[in-house]
Amino acid sequence: MSGQSAYAQGASGLDRVFGLPMRQFIPTLLRMARIVPGQTVLDALLTSRNP
């Protein structure tokens, strides 16, 4: 890493920080929400990033 925080590196940094925890959490979240195969889910990422 070049001295920048993972957050400052954009999407690749975000994936390094949150990728594995989210891959482990999402199946549980979908199960708890009773989402079944064939249903659609809106996946939205909200950010406070300033343009």
N, C-alpha and C. Protein backbone atom coordinates (compact mmCIF):
# COMPACT_ATOMS: atom_id res chain seq x y z
N MET A 1 0.85 -1.16 0.00
CA MET A 1 0.00 0.00 0.00
C MET A 1 0.90 1.23 0.00
N SER A 2 0.45 2.28 -0.65
CA SER A 2 1.30 3.44 -0.89
C SER A 2 1.16 4.53 0.16
N GLY A 3 0.76 4.23 1.36
CA GLY A 3 0.63 5.24 2.38
C GLY A 3 -0.78 5.82 2.48
N GLN A 4 -1.59 5.60 1.46
CA GLN A 4 -2.98 6.04 1.52
C GLN A 4 -3.78 5.04 2.33
N SER A 5 -4.79 5.55 3.02
CA SER A 5 -5.67 4.62 3.73
C SER A 5 -6.48 3.82 2.71
N ALA A 6 -7.00 2.71 3.13
CA ALA A 6 -7.82 1.89 2.23
C ALA A 6 -9.01 2.68 1.74
N TYR A 7 -9.55 3.57 2.58
CA TYR A 7 -10.70 4.38 2.18
C TYR A 7 -10.34 5.32 1.03
N ALA A 8 -9.13 5.86 1.04
CA ALA A 8 -8.71 6.82 0.03
C ALA A 8 -8.42 6.16 -1.31
N GLN A 9 -8.37 4.86 -1.36
CA GLN A 9 -8.05 4.16 -2.59
C GLN A 9 -9.27 3.77 -3.40
N GLY A 10 -10.42 4.26 -3.02
CA GLY A 10 -11.63 4.02 -3.81
C GLY A 10 -12.19 2.62 -3.63
N ALA A 11 -12.77 2.11 -4.70
CA ALA A 11 -13.49 0.83 -4.65
C ALA A 11 -12.59 -0.33 -4.23
N SER A 12 -11.35 -0.35 -4.71
CA SER A 12 -10.48 -1.47 -4.33
C SER A 12 -10.17 -1.43 -2.84
N GLY A 13 -10.02 -0.25 -2.29
CA GLY A 13 -9.79 -0.13 -0.85
C GLY A 13 -11.02 -0.53 -0.06
N LEU A 14 -12.18 -0.12 -0.55
CA LEU A 14 -13.43 -0.49 0.11
C LEU A 14 -13.60 -2.00 0.13
N ASP A 15 -13.27 -2.64 -0.98
CA ASP A 15 -13.40 -4.10 -1.05
C ASP A 15 -12.42 -4.78 -0.09
N ARG A 16 -11.21 -4.26 0.02
CA ARG A 16 -10.24 -4.85 0.96
C ARG A 16 -10.69 -4.72 2.40
N VAL A 17 -11.34 -3.60 2.74
CA VAL A 17 -11.77 -3.38 4.12
C VAL A 17 -13.05 -4.15 4.45
N PHE A 18 -14.03 -4.08 3.55
CA PHE A 18 -15.36 -4.62 3.84
C PHE A 18 -15.74 -5.86 3.06
N GLY A 19 -14.94 -6.26 2.09
CA GLY A 19 -15.30 -7.36 1.19
C GLY A 19 -15.62 -8.66 1.90
N LEU A 20 -14.70 -9.19 2.66
CA LEU A 20 -14.91 -10.47 3.33
C LEU A 20 -16.04 -10.41 4.36
N PRO A 21 -16.07 -9.39 5.24
CA PRO A 21 -17.19 -9.35 6.19
C PRO A 21 -18.55 -9.29 5.49
N MET A 22 -18.66 -8.55 4.40
CA MET A 22 -19.94 -8.47 3.69
C MET A 22 -20.29 -9.79 3.03
N ARG A 23 -19.28 -10.46 2.45
CA ARG A 23 -19.56 -11.77 1.83
C ARG A 23 -20.03 -12.78 2.87
N GLN A 24 -19.60 -12.61 4.10
CA GLN A 24 -20.04 -13.52 5.16
C GLN A 24 -21.40 -13.11 5.72
N PHE A 25 -21.70 -11.81 5.69
CA PHE A 25 -22.92 -11.29 6.31
C PHE A 25 -24.14 -11.34 5.40
N ILE A 26 -23.96 -11.12 4.10
CA ILE A 26 -25.09 -10.99 3.18
C ILE A 26 -25.98 -12.23 3.16
N PRO A 27 -25.46 -13.46 3.11
CA PRO A 27 -26.37 -14.62 3.13
C PRO A 27 -27.27 -14.65 4.37
N THR A 28 -26.73 -14.28 5.52
CA THR A 28 -27.53 -14.24 6.74
C THR A 28 -28.58 -13.14 6.66
N LEU A 29 -28.19 -11.98 6.14
CA LEU A 29 -29.13 -10.88 5.98
C LEU A 29 -30.29 -11.26 5.06
N LEU A 30 -29.97 -11.89 3.93
CA LEU A 30 -31.03 -12.31 3.01
C LEU A 30 -31.94 -13.37 3.63
N ARG A 31 -31.36 -14.28 4.37
CA ARG A 31 -32.16 -15.32 5.05
C ARG A 31 -33.09 -14.67 6.08
N MET A 32 -32.57 -13.72 6.86
CA MET A 32 -33.38 -13.05 7.88
C MET A 32 -34.50 -12.21 7.25
N ALA A 33 -34.23 -11.67 6.05
CA ALA A 33 -35.24 -10.87 5.35
C ALA A 33 -36.22 -11.75 4.57
N ARG A 34 -35.99 -13.06 4.62
CA ARG A 34 -36.84 -14.04 3.93
C ARG A 34 -36.86 -13.82 2.41
N ILE A 35 -35.71 -13.46 1.87
CA ILE A 35 -35.56 -13.32 0.43
C ILE A 35 -35.33 -14.72 -0.13
N VAL A 36 -36.08 -15.06 -1.16
CA VAL A 36 -35.97 -16.40 -1.75
C VAL A 36 -35.54 -16.28 -3.22
N PRO A 37 -34.98 -17.36 -3.77
CA PRO A 37 -34.59 -17.32 -5.18
C PRO A 37 -35.75 -16.88 -6.06
N GLY A 38 -35.44 -16.00 -7.01
CA GLY A 38 -36.45 -15.46 -7.92
C GLY A 38 -36.90 -14.06 -7.54
N GLN A 39 -36.70 -13.68 -6.27
CA GLN A 39 -37.04 -12.32 -5.88
C GLN A 39 -35.87 -11.40 -6.24
N THR A 40 -36.18 -10.12 -6.42
CA THR A 40 -35.13 -9.15 -6.71
C THR A 40 -34.91 -8.25 -5.50
N VAL A 41 -33.70 -7.76 -5.38
CA VAL A 41 -33.31 -6.91 -4.26
C VAL A 41 -32.58 -5.71 -4.83
N LEU A 42 -32.92 -4.52 -4.37
CA LEU A 42 -32.23 -3.31 -4.78
C LEU A 42 -31.00 -3.15 -3.89
N ASP A 43 -29.84 -3.12 -4.49
CA ASP A 43 -28.57 -2.95 -3.78
C ASP A 43 -28.09 -1.54 -4.04
N ALA A 44 -28.10 -0.69 -3.03
CA ALA A 44 -27.70 0.71 -3.21
C ALA A 44 -26.57 1.05 -2.24
N LEU A 45 -25.58 1.71 -2.76
CA LEU A 45 -24.45 2.17 -1.93
C LEU A 45 -24.59 3.67 -1.79
N LEU A 46 -24.70 4.11 -0.57
CA LEU A 46 -24.78 5.54 -0.29
C LEU A 46 -23.45 5.99 0.26
N THR A 47 -22.97 7.11 -0.17
CA THR A 47 -21.67 7.58 0.27
C THR A 47 -21.74 9.06 0.62
N SER A 48 -20.88 9.49 1.48
CA SER A 48 -20.80 10.90 1.83
C SER A 48 -19.64 11.58 1.07
N ARG A 49 -19.13 10.90 0.08
CA ARG A 49 -18.01 11.43 -0.69
C ARG A 49 -18.40 12.76 -1.35
N ASN A 50 -17.56 13.74 -1.20
CA ASN A 50 -17.79 15.04 -1.84
C ASN A 50 -17.22 15.02 -3.25
N PRO A 51 -17.95 15.62 -4.20
CA PRO A 51 -17.46 15.63 -5.59
C PRO A 51 -16.20 16.46 -5.75
